N, C-alpha and C. Protein backbone atom coordinates (compact mmCIF):
# COMPACT_ATOMS: atom_id res chain seq x y z
N MET A 1 -9.70 9.39 0.71
CA MET A 1 -9.88 10.80 0.57
C MET A 1 -11.30 11.07 0.13
N ALA A 2 -11.97 12.01 0.73
CA ALA A 2 -13.36 12.31 0.43
C ALA A 2 -13.48 13.02 -0.91
N ASP A 3 -14.60 12.77 -1.59
CA ASP A 3 -14.88 13.47 -2.84
C ASP A 3 -15.19 14.93 -2.54
N LYS A 4 -14.68 15.85 -3.37
CA LYS A 4 -14.94 17.27 -3.18
C LYS A 4 -16.36 17.64 -3.60
N THR A 5 -16.95 16.82 -4.46
CA THR A 5 -18.28 17.14 -4.97
C THR A 5 -19.34 16.22 -4.38
N GLY A 6 -19.07 15.64 -3.25
CA GLY A 6 -20.07 14.76 -2.63
C GLY A 6 -19.94 13.35 -3.11
N HIS A 7 -21.04 12.80 -3.58
CA HIS A 7 -21.07 11.40 -4.00
C HIS A 7 -20.98 11.29 -5.51
N ALA A 8 -20.04 12.00 -6.09
CA ALA A 8 -19.87 11.97 -7.54
C ALA A 8 -19.38 10.61 -8.00
N LEU A 9 -19.79 10.24 -9.20
CA LEU A 9 -19.30 9.00 -9.78
C LEU A 9 -17.81 9.13 -10.07
N ARG A 10 -17.10 8.08 -9.89
CA ARG A 10 -15.66 8.09 -10.15
C ARG A 10 -15.41 7.76 -11.61
N GLY A 11 -14.51 8.51 -12.18
CA GLY A 11 -14.11 8.25 -13.56
C GLY A 11 -12.86 7.42 -13.58
N PRO A 12 -12.37 7.13 -14.78
CA PRO A 12 -11.17 6.30 -14.91
C PRO A 12 -9.95 6.90 -14.21
N MET A 13 -9.80 8.20 -14.22
CA MET A 13 -8.63 8.82 -13.59
C MET A 13 -8.67 8.65 -12.07
N GLN A 14 -9.85 8.78 -11.48
CA GLN A 14 -9.96 8.60 -10.04
C GLN A 14 -9.68 7.15 -9.65
N VAL A 15 -10.12 6.22 -10.47
CA VAL A 15 -9.85 4.81 -10.21
C VAL A 15 -8.35 4.53 -10.31
N LEU A 16 -7.70 5.12 -11.31
CA LEU A 16 -6.25 4.94 -11.44
C LEU A 16 -5.50 5.55 -10.27
N LYS A 17 -5.96 6.71 -9.79
CA LYS A 17 -5.33 7.32 -8.62
C LYS A 17 -5.51 6.44 -7.39
N ALA A 18 -6.70 5.88 -7.22
CA ALA A 18 -6.94 4.99 -6.08
C ALA A 18 -6.06 3.75 -6.16
N LEU A 19 -5.90 3.20 -7.35
CA LEU A 19 -5.02 2.04 -7.52
C LEU A 19 -3.57 2.41 -7.18
N ARG A 20 -3.16 3.60 -7.59
CA ARG A 20 -1.80 4.06 -7.30
C ARG A 20 -1.59 4.20 -5.79
N TRP A 21 -2.55 4.78 -5.09
CA TRP A 21 -2.43 4.94 -3.64
C TRP A 21 -2.41 3.59 -2.94
N SER A 22 -3.22 2.66 -3.43
CA SER A 22 -3.22 1.32 -2.85
C SER A 22 -1.88 0.65 -3.07
N TRP A 23 -1.33 0.79 -4.26
CA TRP A 23 -0.02 0.21 -4.55
C TRP A 23 1.05 0.83 -3.65
N GLN A 24 0.98 2.15 -3.44
CA GLN A 24 1.93 2.82 -2.55
C GLN A 24 1.82 2.26 -1.13
N GLY A 25 0.61 1.99 -0.68
CA GLY A 25 0.41 1.41 0.64
C GLY A 25 1.01 0.02 0.75
N LEU A 26 0.81 -0.79 -0.28
CA LEU A 26 1.40 -2.14 -0.28
C LEU A 26 2.93 -2.06 -0.28
N CYS A 27 3.47 -1.15 -1.07
CA CYS A 27 4.94 -0.98 -1.11
C CYS A 27 5.46 -0.51 0.23
N ALA A 28 4.77 0.44 0.86
CA ALA A 28 5.20 0.94 2.17
C ALA A 28 5.18 -0.18 3.20
N ALA A 29 4.15 -1.02 3.15
CA ALA A 29 4.08 -2.15 4.08
C ALA A 29 5.22 -3.12 3.81
N TRP A 30 5.49 -3.38 2.54
CA TRP A 30 6.56 -4.32 2.19
C TRP A 30 7.91 -3.81 2.70
N TRP A 31 8.22 -2.54 2.48
CA TRP A 31 9.53 -1.99 2.82
C TRP A 31 9.69 -1.71 4.31
N ASN A 32 8.59 -1.49 5.04
CA ASN A 32 8.70 -1.05 6.43
C ASN A 32 8.22 -2.05 7.47
N GLU A 33 7.57 -3.11 7.05
CA GLU A 33 6.98 -4.04 8.01
C GLU A 33 7.47 -5.47 7.74
N SER A 34 8.35 -5.95 8.60
CA SER A 34 8.90 -7.29 8.40
C SER A 34 7.82 -8.37 8.55
N ALA A 35 6.84 -8.15 9.43
CA ALA A 35 5.77 -9.13 9.59
C ALA A 35 4.96 -9.26 8.30
N PHE A 36 4.72 -8.14 7.64
CA PHE A 36 3.98 -8.17 6.38
C PHE A 36 4.77 -8.94 5.32
N ARG A 37 6.08 -8.71 5.24
CA ARG A 37 6.91 -9.45 4.28
C ARG A 37 6.85 -10.95 4.54
N LEU A 38 6.94 -11.34 5.81
CA LEU A 38 6.87 -12.75 6.16
C LEU A 38 5.52 -13.34 5.75
N GLU A 39 4.45 -12.62 6.04
CA GLU A 39 3.11 -13.12 5.70
C GLU A 39 2.91 -13.21 4.20
N VAL A 40 3.45 -12.27 3.44
CA VAL A 40 3.36 -12.34 1.98
C VAL A 40 4.14 -13.55 1.46
N CYS A 41 5.31 -13.81 2.02
CA CYS A 41 6.10 -14.98 1.61
C CYS A 41 5.35 -16.27 1.92
N LEU A 42 4.76 -16.36 3.10
CA LEU A 42 3.96 -17.54 3.43
C LEU A 42 2.76 -17.68 2.50
N PHE A 43 2.13 -16.55 2.17
CA PHE A 43 1.01 -16.57 1.24
C PHE A 43 1.46 -17.09 -0.13
N ALA A 44 2.63 -16.64 -0.58
CA ALA A 44 3.15 -17.07 -1.88
C ALA A 44 3.47 -18.57 -1.90
N ILE A 45 3.87 -19.10 -0.77
CA ILE A 45 4.18 -20.54 -0.68
C ILE A 45 2.91 -21.35 -0.52
N LEU A 46 1.99 -20.90 0.33
CA LEU A 46 0.81 -21.69 0.66
C LEU A 46 -0.30 -21.61 -0.39
N THR A 47 -0.36 -20.54 -1.17
CA THR A 47 -1.44 -20.42 -2.16
C THR A 47 -1.36 -21.52 -3.23
N PRO A 48 -0.21 -21.77 -3.84
CA PRO A 48 -0.17 -22.89 -4.80
C PRO A 48 -0.50 -24.23 -4.14
N LEU A 49 -0.05 -24.39 -2.90
CA LEU A 49 -0.36 -25.61 -2.15
C LEU A 49 -1.86 -25.73 -1.93
N ALA A 50 -2.50 -24.62 -1.59
CA ALA A 50 -3.95 -24.62 -1.38
C ALA A 50 -4.69 -24.94 -2.67
N LEU A 51 -4.22 -24.40 -3.78
CA LEU A 51 -4.86 -24.69 -5.07
C LEU A 51 -4.71 -26.17 -5.43
N TRP A 52 -3.61 -26.77 -5.03
CA TRP A 52 -3.37 -28.17 -5.32
C TRP A 52 -4.15 -29.08 -4.36
N LEU A 53 -4.18 -28.72 -3.08
CA LEU A 53 -4.81 -29.58 -2.07
C LEU A 53 -6.32 -29.44 -2.01
N GLY A 54 -6.83 -28.29 -2.38
CA GLY A 54 -8.28 -28.09 -2.33
C GLY A 54 -8.98 -28.92 -3.39
N HIS A 55 -10.00 -29.66 -2.98
CA HIS A 55 -10.71 -30.52 -3.93
C HIS A 55 -11.65 -29.75 -4.83
N ASP A 56 -12.20 -28.65 -4.32
CA ASP A 56 -13.14 -27.87 -5.13
C ASP A 56 -12.94 -26.38 -4.80
N ALA A 57 -13.75 -25.55 -5.43
CA ALA A 57 -13.61 -24.11 -5.26
C ALA A 57 -13.83 -23.68 -3.81
N VAL A 58 -14.78 -24.31 -3.14
CA VAL A 58 -15.06 -23.93 -1.75
C VAL A 58 -13.86 -24.20 -0.86
N GLU A 59 -13.27 -25.36 -0.99
CA GLU A 59 -12.09 -25.68 -0.18
C GLU A 59 -10.94 -24.73 -0.50
N ARG A 60 -10.76 -24.42 -1.75
CA ARG A 60 -9.68 -23.51 -2.13
C ARG A 60 -9.91 -22.12 -1.54
N ILE A 61 -11.15 -21.67 -1.57
CA ILE A 61 -11.47 -20.37 -0.97
C ILE A 61 -11.23 -20.40 0.53
N LEU A 62 -11.61 -21.51 1.17
CA LEU A 62 -11.42 -21.63 2.62
C LEU A 62 -9.95 -21.74 3.01
N LEU A 63 -9.11 -22.18 2.10
CA LEU A 63 -7.67 -22.25 2.38
C LEU A 63 -6.97 -20.93 2.08
N ILE A 64 -7.41 -20.22 1.05
CA ILE A 64 -6.74 -18.99 0.63
C ILE A 64 -7.35 -17.75 1.28
N GLY A 65 -8.66 -17.72 1.42
CA GLY A 65 -9.35 -16.53 1.93
C GLY A 65 -8.84 -16.04 3.28
N PRO A 66 -8.71 -16.91 4.26
CA PRO A 66 -8.20 -16.44 5.56
C PRO A 66 -6.78 -15.88 5.49
N MET A 67 -5.98 -16.38 4.56
CA MET A 67 -4.63 -15.82 4.42
C MET A 67 -4.69 -14.38 3.91
N LEU A 68 -5.62 -14.10 3.00
CA LEU A 68 -5.82 -12.73 2.53
C LEU A 68 -6.32 -11.85 3.67
N MET A 69 -7.14 -12.43 4.53
CA MET A 69 -7.63 -11.67 5.69
C MET A 69 -6.48 -11.32 6.64
N VAL A 70 -5.53 -12.23 6.81
CA VAL A 70 -4.34 -11.95 7.64
C VAL A 70 -3.57 -10.78 7.05
N LEU A 71 -3.36 -10.79 5.74
CA LEU A 71 -2.64 -9.69 5.10
C LEU A 71 -3.38 -8.37 5.30
N SER A 72 -4.69 -8.39 5.16
CA SER A 72 -5.49 -7.17 5.36
C SER A 72 -5.39 -6.68 6.80
N ALA A 73 -5.47 -7.59 7.75
CA ALA A 73 -5.37 -7.21 9.16
C ALA A 73 -3.99 -6.65 9.46
N GLU A 74 -2.96 -7.23 8.86
CA GLU A 74 -1.60 -6.73 9.08
C GLU A 74 -1.45 -5.31 8.52
N LEU A 75 -2.05 -5.06 7.38
CA LEU A 75 -2.03 -3.70 6.82
C LEU A 75 -2.73 -2.71 7.74
N LEU A 76 -3.89 -3.10 8.25
CA LEU A 76 -4.62 -2.22 9.18
C LEU A 76 -3.84 -2.02 10.48
N ASN A 77 -3.24 -3.09 10.99
CA ASN A 77 -2.43 -2.99 12.20
C ASN A 77 -1.26 -2.05 11.98
N SER A 78 -0.61 -2.16 10.83
CA SER A 78 0.52 -1.28 10.52
C SER A 78 0.06 0.17 10.41
N ALA A 79 -1.12 0.38 9.84
CA ALA A 79 -1.65 1.74 9.73
C ALA A 79 -1.93 2.32 11.12
N ILE A 80 -2.51 1.53 12.00
CA ILE A 80 -2.76 1.98 13.37
C ILE A 80 -1.45 2.35 14.05
N GLU A 81 -0.45 1.49 13.92
CA GLU A 81 0.84 1.75 14.55
C GLU A 81 1.50 3.00 13.98
N ALA A 82 1.38 3.21 12.66
CA ALA A 82 1.98 4.39 12.04
C ALA A 82 1.34 5.68 12.56
N VAL A 83 0.02 5.67 12.69
CA VAL A 83 -0.67 6.86 13.18
C VAL A 83 -0.29 7.14 14.63
N ILE A 84 -0.24 6.11 15.44
CA ILE A 84 0.12 6.30 16.85
C ILE A 84 1.56 6.77 16.98
N ASP A 85 2.48 6.17 16.22
CA ASP A 85 3.89 6.57 16.28
C ASP A 85 4.10 7.98 15.75
N ARG A 86 3.22 8.42 14.88
CA ARG A 86 3.31 9.78 14.33
C ARG A 86 3.20 10.82 15.44
N TYR A 87 2.46 10.51 16.46
CA TYR A 87 2.22 11.47 17.53
C TYR A 87 3.17 11.33 18.70
N GLY A 88 4.16 10.50 18.59
CA GLY A 88 5.17 10.44 19.63
C GLY A 88 5.40 9.04 20.16
N ASN A 89 6.56 8.88 20.79
CA ASN A 89 6.95 7.58 21.32
C ASN A 89 6.67 7.44 22.81
N GLU A 90 6.18 8.50 23.44
CA GLU A 90 5.92 8.40 24.88
C GLU A 90 4.79 7.40 25.13
N PHE A 91 4.85 6.78 26.29
CA PHE A 91 3.87 5.75 26.62
C PHE A 91 2.51 6.39 26.91
N HIS A 92 1.49 5.80 26.31
CA HIS A 92 0.11 6.16 26.63
C HIS A 92 -0.69 4.87 26.64
N GLU A 93 -1.44 4.67 27.70
CA GLU A 93 -2.16 3.40 27.86
C GLU A 93 -3.08 3.10 26.68
N MET A 94 -3.81 4.09 26.21
CA MET A 94 -4.75 3.85 25.11
C MET A 94 -4.02 3.58 23.79
N ALA A 95 -2.88 4.24 23.58
CA ALA A 95 -2.10 3.97 22.38
C ALA A 95 -1.58 2.54 22.41
N GLY A 96 -1.08 2.12 23.55
CA GLY A 96 -0.62 0.74 23.70
C GLY A 96 -1.74 -0.26 23.49
N ARG A 97 -2.91 0.08 24.01
CA ARG A 97 -4.07 -0.80 23.85
C ARG A 97 -4.45 -0.92 22.38
N ALA A 98 -4.44 0.19 21.65
CA ALA A 98 -4.78 0.16 20.23
C ALA A 98 -3.80 -0.70 19.45
N LYS A 99 -2.52 -0.54 19.73
CA LYS A 99 -1.50 -1.36 19.06
C LYS A 99 -1.69 -2.84 19.38
N ASP A 100 -1.94 -3.13 20.65
CA ASP A 100 -2.13 -4.53 21.06
C ASP A 100 -3.36 -5.14 20.40
N MET A 101 -4.43 -4.37 20.30
CA MET A 101 -5.65 -4.89 19.68
C MET A 101 -5.46 -5.13 18.19
N GLY A 102 -4.72 -4.26 17.53
CA GLY A 102 -4.42 -4.48 16.11
C GLY A 102 -3.61 -5.75 15.92
N SER A 103 -2.64 -5.95 16.79
CA SER A 103 -1.83 -7.17 16.74
C SER A 103 -2.69 -8.39 17.05
N ALA A 104 -3.60 -8.26 18.00
CA ALA A 104 -4.49 -9.38 18.35
C ALA A 104 -5.40 -9.75 17.19
N ALA A 105 -5.85 -8.76 16.41
CA ALA A 105 -6.70 -9.05 15.25
C ALA A 105 -5.95 -9.91 14.25
N THR A 106 -4.70 -9.58 14.01
CA THR A 106 -3.87 -10.39 13.11
C THR A 106 -3.70 -11.80 13.66
N PHE A 107 -3.44 -11.90 14.96
CA PHE A 107 -3.25 -13.19 15.60
C PHE A 107 -4.51 -14.07 15.50
N VAL A 108 -5.67 -13.47 15.72
CA VAL A 108 -6.93 -14.23 15.64
C VAL A 108 -7.12 -14.77 14.22
N LEU A 109 -6.80 -13.95 13.23
CA LEU A 109 -6.95 -14.42 11.85
C LEU A 109 -5.93 -15.49 11.49
N MET A 110 -4.76 -15.43 12.10
CA MET A 110 -3.80 -16.53 11.91
C MET A 110 -4.36 -17.83 12.49
N GLY A 111 -5.07 -17.71 13.59
CA GLY A 111 -5.74 -18.88 14.15
C GLY A 111 -6.80 -19.41 13.20
N LEU A 112 -7.49 -18.51 12.52
CA LEU A 112 -8.49 -18.93 11.53
C LEU A 112 -7.83 -19.69 10.38
N VAL A 113 -6.67 -19.22 9.94
CA VAL A 113 -5.92 -19.93 8.89
C VAL A 113 -5.61 -21.35 9.36
N ALA A 114 -5.07 -21.46 10.56
CA ALA A 114 -4.73 -22.78 11.10
C ALA A 114 -5.97 -23.67 11.23
N LEU A 115 -7.07 -23.09 11.69
CA LEU A 115 -8.30 -23.85 11.84
C LEU A 115 -8.81 -24.35 10.50
N CYS A 116 -8.86 -23.49 9.50
CA CYS A 116 -9.36 -23.91 8.18
C CYS A 116 -8.47 -24.98 7.56
N TRP A 117 -7.15 -24.75 7.60
CA TRP A 117 -6.24 -25.74 7.04
C TRP A 117 -6.35 -27.07 7.80
N GLY A 118 -6.45 -26.99 9.13
CA GLY A 118 -6.56 -28.20 9.92
C GLY A 118 -7.84 -28.96 9.65
N LEU A 119 -8.98 -28.25 9.61
CA LEU A 119 -10.26 -28.93 9.39
C LEU A 119 -10.37 -29.53 7.99
N ILE A 120 -9.70 -28.95 7.04
CA ILE A 120 -9.77 -29.48 5.68
C ILE A 120 -8.75 -30.60 5.46
N LEU A 121 -7.55 -30.42 5.99
CA LEU A 121 -6.47 -31.36 5.64
C LEU A 121 -6.30 -32.52 6.62
N VAL A 122 -6.55 -32.31 7.91
CA VAL A 122 -6.34 -33.38 8.89
C VAL A 122 -7.20 -34.61 8.61
N PRO A 123 -8.50 -34.46 8.28
CA PRO A 123 -9.30 -35.66 7.98
C PRO A 123 -8.74 -36.48 6.81
N ARG A 124 -8.07 -35.84 5.88
CA ARG A 124 -7.50 -36.57 4.76
C ARG A 124 -6.32 -37.41 5.16
N LEU A 125 -5.62 -36.98 6.22
CA LEU A 125 -4.46 -37.71 6.69
C LEU A 125 -4.83 -38.90 7.55
N MET A 126 -6.04 -38.93 8.02
CA MET A 126 -6.47 -40.01 8.93
C MET A 126 -7.17 -41.10 8.17
């Protein structure tokens, strides 16, 4: 939401409101998006594993960071889908393209997760 007074500094109340809106968005994604729930569950399982398997901070970041990116992409994809669905269920080529591209962004980041985990962990197994 844009500031009514331009580029005013945010006070504690505005920060609390922003945190509340962000929490509402996370809750909406949790309750309405099964893919988001699955990704959060995988994140909850893989994060302790990443902290254990990573030898140093860089490896841990490379194991955990892409998973956070997947969650962010899923939130953005869900937002795109919600906006498009708001305007109707009839088929429109550009609406379908937008939904597909949002899904593709999540898929590409899942590939990044697999790549990072593979490049870090596979050499240890050999």
